[in-house]
Amino acid sequence: YDLQTGRVRKIHEVQGRKEKSFEHMYASPDDKYLVFTGLDGDVVLVSNQTKHSVGHVKMNGSARAVSFLNDGTRMLTAGGEVCACAVPISP
């Protein structure tokens, strides 16, 4: 979903990943990355420009929430087992 134009663009797959669907999607504050949470604690970082997977975090248990620092340099994840993780994002 493009917030500026209000248009939805369907992405048929995330390059480099075999999942067909994800639970939730989050966008970084600088709009460089999209983050998808899947089943079994998978958190997939995707380049918003290329739509290719650029990183992956495996949570213990489920991945319930994702957020970013205001400057977009770290991704914060939280899981069902009250596990939190701060992951640095490099350009």
C-alpha atoms as a PDB file:
ATOM      1  CA  TYR A   1       0.000   0.000   0.000  1.00  0.00           C
ATOM      2  CA  ASP A   2       1.387   3.392  -1.025  1.00  0.00           C
ATOM      3  CA  LEU A   3       0.399   5.909   1.677  1.00  0.00           C
ATOM      4  CA  GLN A   4       1.104   8.928  -0.508  1.00  0.00           C
ATOM      5  CA  THR A   5      -0.993   7.875  -3.506  1.00  0.00           C
ATOM      6  CA  GLY A   6      -3.489   5.620  -1.725  1.00  0.00           C
ATOM      7  CA  ARG A   7      -2.907   2.809  -4.227  1.00  0.00           C
ATOM      8  CA  VAL A   8      -2.489  -0.872  -3.461  1.00  0.00           C
ATOM      9  CA  ARG A   9       0.103  -2.805  -5.434  1.00  0.00           C
ATOM     10  CA  LYS A  10      -0.079  -6.573  -5.147  1.00  0.00           C
ATOM     11  CA  ILE A  11       3.236  -8.366  -4.830  1.00  0.00           C
ATOM     12  CA  HIS A  12       2.891 -11.955  -5.940  1.00  0.00           C
ATOM     13  CA  GLU A  13       5.966 -13.177  -4.093  1.00  0.00           C
ATOM     14  CA  VAL A  14       8.932 -11.972  -2.097  1.00  0.00           C
ATOM     15  CA  GLN A  15      12.056 -12.793  -4.087  1.00  0.00           C
ATOM     16  CA  GLY A  16      14.246 -15.202  -2.162  1.00  0.00           C
ATOM     17  CA  ARG A  17      11.411 -16.544   0.029  1.00  0.00           C
ATOM     18  CA  LYS A  18       9.097 -19.470  -0.577  1.00  0.00           C
ATOM     19  CA  GLU A  19       6.176 -18.370   1.621  1.00  0.00           C
ATOM     20  CA  LYS A  20       2.933 -17.640  -0.207  1.00  0.00           C
ATOM     21  CA  SER A  21       1.445 -15.443   2.508  1.00  0.00           C
ATOM     22  CA  PHE A  22       2.425 -13.585   5.664  1.00  0.00           C
ATOM     23  CA  GLU A  23       0.447 -12.618   8.760  1.00  0.00           C
ATOM     24  CA  HIS A  24       1.185  -8.864   9.003  1.00  0.00           C
ATOM     25  CA  MET A  25       3.135  -6.126   7.208  1.00  0.00           C
ATOM     26  CA  TYR A  26       4.975  -3.139   8.671  1.00  0.00           C
ATOM     27  CA  ALA A  27       6.837  -0.289   6.937  1.00  0.00           C
ATOM     28  CA  SER A  28      10.007   1.431   8.137  1.00  0.00           C
ATOM     29  CA  PRO A  29       9.675   5.173   8.866  1.00  0.00           C
ATOM     30  CA  ASP A  30      11.993   6.038   5.949  1.00  0.00           C
ATOM     31  CA  ASP A  31       9.935   3.788   3.605  1.00  0.00           C
ATOM     32  CA  LYS A  32      13.052   1.800   2.622  1.00  0.00           C
ATOM     33  CA  TYR A  33      11.879  -1.508   4.071  1.00  0.00           C
ATOM     34  CA  LEU A  34       8.775  -3.596   4.481  1.00  0.00           C
ATOM     35  CA  VAL A  35       8.668  -6.210   7.220  1.00  0.00           C
ATOM     36  CA  PHE A  36       6.437  -9.249   7.096  1.00  0.00           C
ATOM     37  CA  THR A  37       5.681 -11.547  10.007  1.00  0.00           C
ATOM     38  CA  GLY A  38       4.907 -15.160   9.277  1.00  0.00           C
ATOM     39  CA  LEU A  39       4.059 -18.257  11.201  1.00  0.00           C
ATOM     40  CA  ASP A  40       6.528 -19.828  13.630  1.00  0.00           C
ATOM     41  CA  GLY A  41       8.289 -16.548  14.474  1.00  0.00           C
ATOM     42  CA  ASP A  42       9.599 -15.642  11.018  1.00  0.00           C
ATOM     43  CA  VAL A  43      10.254 -11.911  10.483  1.00  0.00           C
ATOM     44  CA  VAL A  44      11.293 -11.057   6.924  1.00  0.00           C
ATOM     45  CA  LEU A  45      12.884  -7.713   5.984  1.00  0.00           C
ATOM     46  CA  VAL A  46      12.212  -6.753   2.345  1.00  0.00           C
ATOM     47  CA  SER A  47      13.592  -3.879   0.281  1.00  0.00           C
ATOM     48  CA  ASN A  48      10.665  -1.647  -0.679  1.00  0.00           C
ATOM     49  CA  GLN A  49      12.482  -0.726  -3.891  1.00  0.00           C
ATOM     50  CA  THR A  50      13.445  -4.181  -5.212  1.00  0.00           C
ATOM     51  CA  LYS A  51      10.884  -6.310  -3.303  1.00  0.00           C
ATOM     52  CA  HIS A  52      13.708  -8.781  -2.520  1.00  0.00           C
ATOM     53  CA  SER A  53      14.329 -10.241   0.901  1.00  0.00           C
ATOM     54  CA  VAL A  54      17.323  -8.491   2.499  1.00  0.00           C
ATOM     55  CA  GLY A  55      17.167  -9.985   5.987  1.00  0.00           C
ATOM     56  CA  HIS A  56      15.463 -12.491   8.226  1.00  0.00           C
ATOM     57  CA  VAL A  57      14.979 -12.862  11.976  1.00  0.00           C
ATOM     58  CA  LYS A  58      13.694 -16.035  13.615  1.00  0.00           C
ATOM     59  CA  MET A  59      11.907 -15.362  16.897  1.00  0.00           C
ATOM     60  CA  ASN A  60      11.503 -17.994  19.600  1.00  0.00           C
ATOM     61  CA  GLY A  61       7.813 -18.792  19.275  1.00  0.00           C
ATOM     62  CA  SER A  62       5.592 -16.298  17.482  1.00  0.00           C
ATOM     63  CA  ALA A  63       6.325 -12.808  16.143  1.00  0.00           C
ATOM     64  CA  ARG A  64       3.556 -10.550  17.433  1.00  0.00           C
ATOM     65  CA  ALA A  65       4.718  -6.986  16.714  1.00  0.00           C
ATOM     66  CA  VAL A  66       7.338  -5.034  14.787  1.00  0.00           C
ATOM     67  CA  SER A  67       8.335  -1.402  15.150  1.00  0.00           C
ATOM     68  CA  PHE A  68      11.277   0.804  14.204  1.00  0.00           C
ATOM     69  CA  LEU A  69      13.290   3.540  15.842  1.00  0.00           C
ATOM     70  CA  ASN A  70      12.333   6.955  14.436  1.00  0.00           C
ATOM     71  CA  ASP A  71      15.521   7.146  12.357  1.00  0.00           C
ATOM     72  CA  GLY A  72      14.929   3.663  10.872  1.00  0.00           C
ATOM     73  CA  THR A  73      18.292   2.274  12.009  1.00  0.00           C
ATOM     74  CA  ARG A  74      16.862  -0.482  14.227  1.00  0.00           C
ATOM     75  CA  MET A  75      13.921  -2.808  13.931  1.00  0.00           C
ATOM     76  CA  LEU A  76      12.249  -3.873  17.169  1.00  0.00           C
ATOM     77  CA  THR A  77      10.379  -7.162  17.364  1.00  0.00           C
ATOM     78  CA  ALA A  78       8.320  -8.750  20.120  1.00  0.00           C
ATOM     79  CA  GLY A  79       7.037 -12.286  20.393  1.00  0.00           C
ATOM     80  CA  GLY A  80       4.422 -14.293  22.192  1.00  0.00           C
ATOM     81  CA  GLU A  81       6.927 -15.509  24.777  1.00  0.00           C
ATOM     82  CA  VAL A  82       7.594 -11.899  25.907  1.00  0.00           C
ATOM     83  CA  CYS A  83      10.827 -11.884  23.956  1.00  0.00           C
ATOM     84  CA  ALA A  84      11.986  -8.575  22.493  1.00  0.00           C
ATOM     85  CA  CYS A  85      14.773  -8.057  20.044  1.00  0.00           C
ATOM     86  CA  ALA A  86      16.466  -4.907  18.633  1.00  0.00           C
ATOM     87  CA  VAL A  87      17.986  -5.634  15.241  1.00  0.00           C
ATOM     88  CA  PRO A  88      20.325  -3.094  13.563  1.00  0.00           C
ATOM     89  CA  ILE A  89      19.488  -2.379   9.929  1.00  0.00           C
ATOM     90  CA  SER A  90      22.449  -1.558   7.731  1.00  0.00           C
ATOM     91  CA  PRO A  91      22.017   0.319   4.436  1.00  0.00           C
END
